[in-house]
Amino acid sequence: MKIKLLYIRKSDHPEKKWTAVFDVDGKKVRKRFGQAGADDRTLNASKQTRNAYRKRHIKAGDVNNPLTPAALSYHILWNTEDMDFNVRDFKKRFNV
């Protein structure tokens, strides 16, 4: 399976923050992620909050599959305060 992250944009879904658009074997796949209105590390959540989130979600979701909302939130919203860095890191980590 060949996966490429094409872009991330604000979500049009009222309950989600972002939509990631991937090319998966020539087909566009959209994944919404991030709870609208909730805090995250890119919005200056504390390191303690970040660590608690990541500890809970490493067990709860598939954070090692780039096509899951859990992985997108874990690596992009809860990595560092710098969204651009997080997206680059996500692409490098998953080779997408």
C-alpha atoms as a PDB file:
ATOM      1  CA  MET A   1       0.000   0.000   0.000  1.00  0.00           C
ATOM      2  CA  LYS A   2       1.365   3.382  -1.027  1.00  0.00           C
ATOM      3  CA  ILE A   3       0.320   6.275   1.222  1.00  0.00           C
ATOM      4  CA  LYS A   4       1.057   9.975   0.794  1.00  0.00           C
ATOM      5  CA  LEU A   5      -0.205  12.796   2.999  1.00  0.00           C
ATOM      6  CA  LEU A   6      -1.431  15.445   0.560  1.00  0.00           C
ATOM      7  CA  TYR A   7      -2.520  18.152   3.006  1.00  0.00           C
ATOM      8  CA  ILE A   8      -4.196  18.994   6.288  1.00  0.00           C
ATOM      9  CA  ARG A   9      -6.944  21.603   6.496  1.00  0.00           C
ATOM     10  CA  LYS A  10      -9.464  22.880   9.013  1.00  0.00           C
ATOM     11  CA  SER A  11     -12.310  20.400   9.242  1.00  0.00           C
ATOM     12  CA  ASP A  12     -15.765  21.207   7.912  1.00  0.00           C
ATOM     13  CA  HIS A  13     -17.196  18.801  10.490  1.00  0.00           C
ATOM     14  CA  PRO A  14     -18.377  20.702  13.581  1.00  0.00           C
ATOM     15  CA  GLU A  15     -17.038  18.091  16.013  1.00  0.00           C
ATOM     16  CA  LYS A  16     -13.508  17.887  14.547  1.00  0.00           C
ATOM     17  CA  LYS A  17     -10.593  20.339  14.261  1.00  0.00           C
ATOM     18  CA  TRP A  18      -8.750  19.044  11.209  1.00  0.00           C
ATOM     19  CA  THR A  19      -9.065  16.881   8.115  1.00  0.00           C
ATOM     20  CA  ALA A  20      -6.037  15.070   6.726  1.00  0.00           C
ATOM     21  CA  VAL A  21      -6.241  14.116   3.062  1.00  0.00           C
ATOM     22  CA  PHE A  22      -4.145  11.178   1.901  1.00  0.00           C
ATOM     23  CA  ASP A  23      -3.503   9.541  -1.430  1.00  0.00           C
ATOM     24  CA  VAL A  24      -3.796   5.817  -0.783  1.00  0.00           C
ATOM     25  CA  ASP A  25      -2.984   3.771  -3.862  1.00  0.00           C
ATOM     26  CA  GLY A  26      -4.344   6.522  -6.109  1.00  0.00           C
ATOM     27  CA  LYS A  27      -7.520   7.205  -4.109  1.00  0.00           C
ATOM     28  CA  LYS A  28      -8.148  10.230  -1.892  1.00  0.00           C
ATOM     29  CA  VAL A  29      -8.862   9.268   1.702  1.00  0.00           C
ATOM     30  CA  ARG A  30      -9.990  11.856   4.251  1.00  0.00           C
ATOM     31  CA  LYS A  31      -9.503  11.412   7.978  1.00  0.00           C
ATOM     32  CA  ARG A  32     -10.963  13.858  10.484  1.00  0.00           C
ATOM     33  CA  PHE A  33      -9.179  14.234  13.785  1.00  0.00           C
ATOM     34  CA  GLY A  34      -8.959  16.365  16.906  1.00  0.00           C
ATOM     35  CA  GLN A  35     -11.992  17.123  19.048  1.00  0.00           C
ATOM     36  CA  ALA A  36     -13.304  20.615  18.294  1.00  0.00           C
ATOM     37  CA  GLY A  37     -13.072  22.877  21.308  1.00  0.00           C
ATOM     38  CA  ALA A  38     -10.627  20.616  23.142  1.00  0.00           C
ATOM     39  CA  ASP A  39      -7.126  21.635  24.110  1.00  0.00           C
ATOM     40  CA  ASP A  40      -4.031  20.158  22.474  1.00  0.00           C
ATOM     41  CA  ARG A  41      -0.292  20.764  22.556  1.00  0.00           C
ATOM     42  CA  THR A  42      -0.397  23.045  19.494  1.00  0.00           C
ATOM     43  CA  LEU A  43      -2.741  25.279  21.525  1.00  0.00           C
ATOM     44  CA  ASN A  44      -0.235  25.452  24.390  1.00  0.00           C
ATOM     45  CA  ALA A  45      -1.534  22.653  26.579  1.00  0.00           C
ATOM     46  CA  SER A  46       1.015  22.029  29.307  1.00  0.00           C
ATOM     47  CA  LYS A  47       3.663  19.330  29.066  1.00  0.00           C
ATOM     48  CA  GLN A  48       1.903  17.555  31.941  1.00  0.00           C
ATOM     49  CA  THR A  49      -1.354  17.516  29.977  1.00  0.00           C
ATOM     50  CA  ARG A  50       0.537  16.313  26.903  1.00  0.00           C
ATOM     51  CA  ASN A  51       2.189  13.487  28.799  1.00  0.00           C
ATOM     52  CA  ALA A  52      -1.112  12.383  30.338  1.00  0.00           C
ATOM     53  CA  TYR A  53      -2.846  12.436  26.937  1.00  0.00           C
ATOM     54  CA  ARG A  54      -0.085  10.461  25.245  1.00  0.00           C
ATOM     55  CA  LYS A  55       0.070   7.923  28.069  1.00  0.00           C
ATOM     56  CA  ARG A  56      -3.696   7.301  27.857  1.00  0.00           C
ATOM     57  CA  HIS A  57      -3.832   7.143  24.086  1.00  0.00           C
ATOM     58  CA  ILE A  58      -0.831   4.947  23.429  1.00  0.00           C
ATOM     59  CA  LYS A  59      -2.932   2.205  25.042  1.00  0.00           C
ATOM     60  CA  ALA A  60      -6.322   3.191  23.633  1.00  0.00           C
ATOM     61  CA  GLY A  61      -5.764   3.827  19.928  1.00  0.00           C
ATOM     62  CA  ASP A  62      -3.675   2.700  17.008  1.00  0.00           C
ATOM     63  CA  VAL A  63      -1.066   5.454  17.084  1.00  0.00           C
ATOM     64  CA  ASN A  64       1.233   3.517  14.742  1.00  0.00           C
ATOM     65  CA  ASN A  65      -1.101   3.501  11.736  1.00  0.00           C
ATOM     66  CA  PRO A  66      -0.897   6.871   9.941  1.00  0.00           C
ATOM     67  CA  LEU A  67      -4.438   6.519   8.603  1.00  0.00           C
ATOM     68  CA  THR A  68      -6.090   6.512  12.019  1.00  0.00           C
ATOM     69  CA  PRO A  69      -7.433   9.601  13.767  1.00  0.00           C
ATOM     70  CA  ALA A  70      -5.620   8.364  16.885  1.00  0.00           C
ATOM     71  CA  ALA A  71      -2.229   8.530  15.140  1.00  0.00           C
ATOM     72  CA  LEU A  72      -2.984  11.909  13.583  1.00  0.00           C
ATOM     73  CA  SER A  73      -3.958  13.421  16.934  1.00  0.00           C
ATOM     74  CA  TYR A  74      -1.152  11.721  18.836  1.00  0.00           C
ATOM     75  CA  HIS A  75       1.627  12.769  16.465  1.00  0.00           C
ATOM     76  CA  ILE A  76       0.341  16.067  15.055  1.00  0.00           C
ATOM     77  CA  LEU A  77      -1.688  17.679  17.836  1.00  0.00           C
ATOM     78  CA  TRP A  78       0.138  16.283  20.852  1.00  0.00           C
ATOM     79  CA  ASN A  79       3.794  16.210  19.758  1.00  0.00           C
ATOM     80  CA  THR A  80       5.079  19.786  20.141  1.00  0.00           C
ATOM     81  CA  GLU A  81       3.598  23.286  20.071  1.00  0.00           C
ATOM     82  CA  ASP A  82       4.712  23.695  16.436  1.00  0.00           C
ATOM     83  CA  MET A  83       2.078  22.293  14.070  1.00  0.00           C
ATOM     84  CA  ASP A  84       4.329  22.650  11.000  1.00  0.00           C
ATOM     85  CA  PHE A  85       7.111  20.704  12.715  1.00  0.00           C
ATOM     86  CA  ASN A  86       4.626  18.047  13.829  1.00  0.00           C
ATOM     87  CA  VAL A  87       3.333  17.546  10.282  1.00  0.00           C
ATOM     88  CA  ARG A  88       6.888  17.240   8.924  1.00  0.00           C
ATOM     89  CA  ASP A  89       7.752  14.799  11.709  1.00  0.00           C
ATOM     90  CA  PHE A  90       4.604  12.765  11.003  1.00  0.00           C
ATOM     91  CA  LYS A  91       5.472  12.554   7.297  1.00  0.00           C
ATOM     92  CA  LYS A  92       9.034  11.497   8.061  1.00  0.00           C
ATOM     93  CA  ARG A  93       8.042   9.011  10.800  1.00  0.00           C
ATOM     94  CA  PHE A  94       5.526   7.225   8.566  1.00  0.00           C
ATOM     95  CA  ASN A  95       7.221   7.930   5.226  1.00  0.00           C
ATOM     96  CA  VAL A  96       4.051   9.468   3.875  1.00  0.00           C
END
